[in-house]
Amino acid sequence: MPKSAIPIVIGGAALAAATGALALPPPVAAIADCGAGKPSVMVHVEGFKQPQGRLKVSLYGPDARRWLAKGGRITKIKVPVSGRAMDVCVPVPAPGRYAVAVHHDLNLNGERDRQDGGGYSRDPKVSLFNPKPSFAKAAFMVGNGPARVGVTLLYIRGLSVGPVGS
């Protein structure tokens, strides 16, 4: 498969854009950001192929036109992978509608490789031929306190895309 096909699994160039980056917060600050009374989202990511590499969580919204567009994300957080499932807190600027895209850089090379995984908030269905879900399918509401959303990582397996072990 040509290298240009790799973005199909993880949402294309939107996950690779480097603008609007948020510096990696220390774990204590990240937990505090998801405290009561603060708009934030606790992203539960599961289904890692291997518990190694780096996880990038990108936050989008509430403008659906910017979903997965270059420069469209609000912020990103990169954290080392520490297990088969992880919780990552992402502060949001205000209550509203948001969506999350996740990239698992398994070999830490900073590129999207065939062995890397990815996924979206609320686990919308994707395939090699339909790699980018609509904002509506991935979006969730954040109020004045922390919201919780899940992402199951998907990996390329031959000509299909799916979670590990399926």
C-alpha atoms as a PDB file:
ATOM      1  CA  MET A   1       0.000   0.000   0.000  1.00  0.00           C
ATOM      2  CA  PRO A   2       1.443   3.410  -0.889  1.00  0.00           C
ATOM      3  CA  LYS A   3       2.428   5.653   1.984  1.00  0.00           C
ATOM      4  CA  SER A   4      -0.225   8.146   0.856  1.00  0.00           C
ATOM      5  CA  ALA A   5      -2.929   5.642   1.814  1.00  0.00           C
ATOM      6  CA  ILE A   6      -1.933   5.568   5.482  1.00  0.00           C
ATOM      7  CA  PRO A   7      -3.906   8.719   6.397  1.00  0.00           C
ATOM      8  CA  ILE A   8      -7.071   6.845   5.506  1.00  0.00           C
ATOM      9  CA  VAL A   9      -7.024   5.123   8.878  1.00  0.00           C
ATOM     10  CA  ILE A  10      -6.268   8.073  11.071  1.00  0.00           C
ATOM     11  CA  GLY A  11      -7.979  10.931   9.390  1.00  0.00           C
ATOM     12  CA  GLY A  12      -5.396  12.275   6.988  1.00  0.00           C
ATOM     13  CA  ALA A  13      -3.283  15.325   7.267  1.00  0.00           C
ATOM     14  CA  ALA A  14      -5.473  16.822   9.980  1.00  0.00           C
ATOM     15  CA  LEU A  15      -3.764  14.671  12.578  1.00  0.00           C
ATOM     16  CA  ALA A  16      -0.335  15.646  11.300  1.00  0.00           C
ATOM     17  CA  ALA A  17      -0.861  19.416  11.300  1.00  0.00           C
ATOM     18  CA  ALA A  18       1.355  21.074  13.870  1.00  0.00           C
ATOM     19  CA  THR A  19      -0.428  24.380  14.368  1.00  0.00           C
ATOM     20  CA  GLY A  20      -2.233  25.230  17.573  1.00  0.00           C
ATOM     21  CA  ALA A  21      -0.240  22.767  19.638  1.00  0.00           C
ATOM     22  CA  LEU A  22      -0.595  22.670  23.394  1.00  0.00           C
ATOM     23  CA  ALA A  23       2.549  21.798  25.307  1.00  0.00           C
ATOM     24  CA  LEU A  24       2.392  18.470  27.104  1.00  0.00           C
ATOM     25  CA  PRO A  25       1.068  19.205  30.594  1.00  0.00           C
ATOM     26  CA  PRO A  26       2.444  17.357  33.588  1.00  0.00           C
ATOM     27  CA  PRO A  27       0.138  14.578  34.801  1.00  0.00           C
ATOM     28  CA  VAL A  28      -0.899  16.460  37.964  1.00  0.00           C
ATOM     29  CA  ALA A  29      -1.975  19.516  35.944  1.00  0.00           C
ATOM     30  CA  ALA A  30      -3.865  17.304  33.506  1.00  0.00           C
ATOM     31  CA  ILE A  31      -5.855  15.756  36.343  1.00  0.00           C
ATOM     32  CA  ALA A  32      -6.577  19.193  37.810  1.00  0.00           C
ATOM     33  CA  ASP A  33      -7.839  20.401  34.404  1.00  0.00           C
ATOM     34  CA  CYS A  34     -10.530  17.705  34.505  1.00  0.00           C
ATOM     35  CA  GLY A  35     -11.756  18.809  37.919  1.00  0.00           C
ATOM     36  CA  ALA A  36     -15.334  19.757  38.721  1.00  0.00           C
ATOM     37  CA  GLY A  37     -16.423  23.142  37.455  1.00  0.00           C
ATOM     38  CA  LYS A  38     -13.916  23.299  34.580  1.00  0.00           C
ATOM     39  CA  PRO A  39     -14.892  22.643  30.952  1.00  0.00           C
ATOM     40  CA  SER A  40     -12.768  19.674  29.880  1.00  0.00           C
ATOM     41  CA  VAL A  41     -12.989  16.215  28.419  1.00  0.00           C
ATOM     42  CA  MET A  42     -11.519  13.013  29.789  1.00  0.00           C
ATOM     43  CA  VAL A  43     -10.725  10.890  26.729  1.00  0.00           C
ATOM     44  CA  HIS A  44     -10.607   7.158  27.464  1.00  0.00           C
ATOM     45  CA  VAL A  45      -8.480   5.458  24.782  1.00  0.00           C
ATOM     46  CA  GLU A  46      -8.382   1.682  24.584  1.00  0.00           C
ATOM     47  CA  GLY A  47      -7.332  -1.058  22.219  1.00  0.00           C
ATOM     48  CA  PHE A  48      -3.614  -0.326  21.871  1.00  0.00           C
ATOM     49  CA  LYS A  49      -1.874  -2.864  19.651  1.00  0.00           C
ATOM     50  CA  GLN A  50       1.151  -2.610  21.957  1.00  0.00           C
ATOM     51  CA  PRO A  51       1.610  -0.501  25.117  1.00  0.00           C
ATOM     52  CA  GLN A  52       4.421   1.599  23.657  1.00  0.00           C
ATOM     53  CA  GLY A  53       4.900   4.714  21.550  1.00  0.00           C
ATOM     54  CA  ARG A  54       3.148   8.062  21.809  1.00  0.00           C
ATOM     55  CA  LEU A  55      -0.505   9.030  21.800  1.00  0.00           C
ATOM     56  CA  LYS A  56      -1.682  12.280  20.235  1.00  0.00           C
ATOM     57  CA  VAL A  57      -5.148  13.542  21.108  1.00  0.00           C
ATOM     58  CA  SER A  58      -6.451  16.399  18.914  1.00  0.00           C
ATOM     59  CA  LEU A  59      -9.492  18.467  19.922  1.00  0.00           C
ATOM     60  CA  TYR A  60     -11.849  20.001  17.319  1.00  0.00           C
ATOM     61  CA  GLY A  61     -15.007  22.048  17.490  1.00  0.00           C
ATOM     62  CA  PRO A  62     -17.507  23.537  17.734  1.00  0.00           C
ATOM     63  CA  ASP A  63     -17.233  24.649  14.065  1.00  0.00           C
ATOM     64  CA  ALA A  64     -17.942  21.478  12.061  1.00  0.00           C
ATOM     65  CA  ARG A  65     -16.301  23.013   8.962  1.00  0.00           C
ATOM     66  CA  ARG A  66     -12.912  22.837  10.727  1.00  0.00           C
ATOM     67  CA  TRP A  67     -13.252  19.130  11.647  1.00  0.00           C
ATOM     68  CA  LEU A  68     -10.118  17.304  10.444  1.00  0.00           C
ATOM     69  CA  ALA A  69      -9.095  20.318   8.341  1.00  0.00           C
ATOM     70  CA  LYS A  70      -5.495  21.476   8.314  1.00  0.00           C
ATOM     71  CA  GLY A  71      -5.158  24.038  11.094  1.00  0.00           C
ATOM     72  CA  GLY A  72      -8.682  23.230  12.276  1.00  0.00           C
ATOM     73  CA  ARG A  73      -7.932  21.733  15.642  1.00  0.00           C
ATOM     74  CA  ILE A  74      -8.131  23.743  18.816  1.00  0.00           C
ATOM     75  CA  THR A  75      -5.335  21.927  20.597  1.00  0.00           C
ATOM     76  CA  LYS A  76      -3.395  18.681  20.758  1.00  0.00           C
ATOM     77  CA  ILE A  77      -1.837  16.778  23.608  1.00  0.00           C
ATOM     78  CA  LYS A  78       0.928  14.206  23.198  1.00  0.00           C
ATOM     79  CA  VAL A  79       1.588  11.667  25.939  1.00  0.00           C
ATOM     80  CA  PRO A  80       3.690   8.500  26.131  1.00  0.00           C
ATOM     81  CA  VAL A  81       1.659   5.304  25.949  1.00  0.00           C
ATOM     82  CA  SER A  82       1.596   3.714  29.387  1.00  0.00           C
ATOM     83  CA  GLY A  83      -0.726   0.735  29.048  1.00  0.00           C
ATOM     84  CA  ARG A  84      -3.399  -1.036  26.999  1.00  0.00           C
ATOM     85  CA  ALA A  85      -5.892   1.690  27.963  1.00  0.00           C
ATOM     86  CA  MET A  86      -5.335   5.311  28.983  1.00  0.00           C
ATOM     87  CA  ASP A  87      -7.246   8.372  30.136  1.00  0.00           C
ATOM     88  CA  VAL A  88      -6.102  11.742  28.798  1.00  0.00           C
ATOM     89  CA  CYS A  89      -7.564  15.009  30.049  1.00  0.00           C
ATOM     90  CA  VAL A  90      -8.034  17.756  27.467  1.00  0.00           C
ATOM     91  CA  PRO A  91      -9.073  21.214  28.686  1.00  0.00           C
ATOM     92  CA  VAL A  92     -11.591  22.972  26.420  1.00  0.00           C
ATOM     93  CA  PRO A  93     -11.985  26.743  26.071  1.00  0.00           C
ATOM     94  CA  ALA A  94     -15.705  26.847  26.907  1.00  0.00           C
ATOM     95  CA  PRO A  95     -18.766  24.629  27.113  1.00  0.00           C
ATOM     96  CA  GLY A  96     -19.942  23.488  23.688  1.00  0.00           C
ATOM     97  CA  ARG A  97     -19.811  20.770  21.075  1.00  0.00           C
ATOM     98  CA  TYR A  98     -16.438  19.131  20.391  1.00  0.00           C
ATOM     99  CA  ALA A  99     -14.910  16.068  18.707  1.00  0.00           C
ATOM    100  CA  VAL A 100     -11.613  14.247  19.222  1.00  0.00           C
ATOM    101  CA  ALA A 101      -9.222  12.516  16.811  1.00  0.00           C
ATOM    102  CA  VAL A 102      -6.508  10.223  18.203  1.00  0.00           C
ATOM    103  CA  HIS A 103      -3.252   8.936  16.650  1.00  0.00           C
ATOM    104  CA  HIS A 104      -1.084   6.153  18.145  1.00  0.00           C
ATOM    105  CA  ASP A 105       2.500   6.619  16.886  1.00  0.00           C
ATOM    106  CA  LEU A 106       3.671   3.119  17.695  1.00  0.00           C
ATOM    107  CA  ASN A 107       7.331   3.490  16.674  1.00  0.00           C
ATOM    108  CA  LEU A 108       7.836   7.131  17.776  1.00  0.00           C
ATOM    109  CA  ASN A 109       8.975   8.299  14.348  1.00  0.00           C
ATOM    110  CA  GLY A 110       6.491  11.180  14.141  1.00  0.00           C
ATOM    111  CA  GLU A 111       4.940   9.831  10.931  1.00  0.00           C
ATOM    112  CA  ARG A 112       1.776   7.939  10.122  1.00  0.00           C
ATOM    113  CA  ASP A 113       2.894   4.394   9.361  1.00  0.00           C
ATOM    114  CA  ARG A 114       0.942   1.299   8.428  1.00  0.00           C
ATOM    115  CA  GLN A 115       1.375  -0.109  11.958  1.00  0.00           C
ATOM    116  CA  ASP A 116       0.080   3.076  13.647  1.00  0.00           C
ATOM    117  CA  GLY A 117      -3.485   3.282  14.889  1.00  0.00           C
ATOM    118  CA  GLY A 118      -6.106   5.955  15.199  1.00  0.00           C
ATOM    119  CA  GLY A 119      -9.679   6.633  16.107  1.00  0.00           C
ATOM    120  CA  TYR A 120     -12.347   9.217  16.833  1.00  0.00           C
ATOM    121  CA  SER A 121     -14.571  10.151  19.733  1.00  0.00           C
ATOM    122  CA  ARG A 122     -17.760   8.082  20.006  1.00  0.00           C
ATOM    123  CA  ASP A 123     -16.169   5.396  17.753  1.00  0.00           C
ATOM    124  CA  PRO A 124     -17.886   6.172  14.442  1.00  0.00           C
ATOM    125  CA  LYS A 125     -17.549   3.527  11.745  1.00  0.00           C
ATOM    126  CA  VAL A 126     -14.655   4.097   9.327  1.00  0.00           C
ATOM    127  CA  SER A 127     -13.086   2.060   6.536  1.00  0.00           C
ATOM    128  CA  LEU A 128     -10.311   2.327   3.977  1.00  0.00           C
ATOM    129  CA  PHE A 129     -12.870   3.869   1.621  1.00  0.00           C
ATOM    130  CA  ASN A 130     -14.591   6.069   4.224  1.00  0.00           C
ATOM    131  CA  PRO A 131     -11.735   7.152   6.505  1.00  0.00           C
ATOM    132  CA  LYS A 132     -13.139  10.399   7.911  1.00  0.00           C
ATOM    133  CA  PRO A 133     -16.398  10.355   9.830  1.00  0.00           C
ATOM    134  CA  SER A 134     -18.598  13.426   9.880  1.00  0.00           C
ATOM    135  CA  PHE A 135     -18.269  15.868  12.752  1.00  0.00           C
ATOM    136  CA  ALA A 136     -21.832  14.975  13.799  1.00  0.00           C
ATOM    137  CA  LYS A 137     -20.892  11.300  14.266  1.00  0.00           C
ATOM    138  CA  ALA A 138     -17.863  12.112  16.444  1.00  0.00           C
ATOM    139  CA  ALA A 139     -19.177  15.163  18.317  1.00  0.00           C
ATOM    140  CA  PHE A 140     -20.146  15.285  21.992  1.00  0.00           C
ATOM    141  CA  MET A 141     -21.222  18.006  24.409  1.00  0.00           C
ATOM    142  CA  VAL A 142     -19.031  19.523  27.121  1.00  0.00           C
ATOM    143  CA  GLY A 143     -20.692  21.493  29.896  1.00  0.00           C
ATOM    144  CA  ASN A 144     -19.208  23.457  32.792  1.00  0.00           C
ATOM    145  CA  GLY A 145     -17.576  20.337  34.191  1.00  0.00           C
ATOM    146  CA  PRO A 146     -15.616  17.444  32.751  1.00  0.00           C
ATOM    147  CA  ALA A 147     -17.181  15.292  30.027  1.00  0.00           C
ATOM    148  CA  ARG A 148     -16.114  11.719  29.289  1.00  0.00           C
ATOM    149  CA  VAL A 149     -15.734  10.203  25.837  1.00  0.00           C
ATOM    150  CA  GLY A 150     -14.290   6.937  24.582  1.00  0.00           C
ATOM    151  CA  VAL A 151     -12.062   6.101  21.613  1.00  0.00           C
ATOM    152  CA  THR A 152     -11.283   2.552  20.495  1.00  0.00           C
ATOM    153  CA  LEU A 153      -8.130   2.513  18.385  1.00  0.00           C
ATOM    154  CA  LEU A 154      -8.313   1.084  14.865  1.00  0.00           C
ATOM    155  CA  TYR A 155      -5.428  -0.405  12.880  1.00  0.00           C
ATOM    156  CA  ILE A 156      -4.995  -1.458   9.241  1.00  0.00           C
ATOM    157  CA  ARG A 157      -5.217  -5.222   8.760  1.00  0.00           C
ATOM    158  CA  GLY A 158      -4.805  -6.168   5.137  1.00  0.00           C
ATOM    159  CA  LEU A 159      -7.572  -4.336   3.287  1.00  0.00           C
ATOM    160  CA  SER A 160      -9.672  -3.649   6.359  1.00  0.00           C
ATOM    161  CA  VAL A 161      -9.595  -1.389   9.384  1.00  0.00           C
ATOM    162  CA  GLY A 162     -10.565  -2.490  12.861  1.00  0.00           C
ATOM    163  CA  PRO A 163      -9.699  -2.849  16.511  1.00  0.00           C
ATOM    164  CA  VAL A 164      -6.981  -5.252  17.644  1.00  0.00           C
ATOM    165  CA  GLY A 165      -8.250  -8.797  17.976  1.00  0.00           C
ATOM    166  CA  SER A 166     -11.415  -8.393  15.900  1.00  0.00           C
END
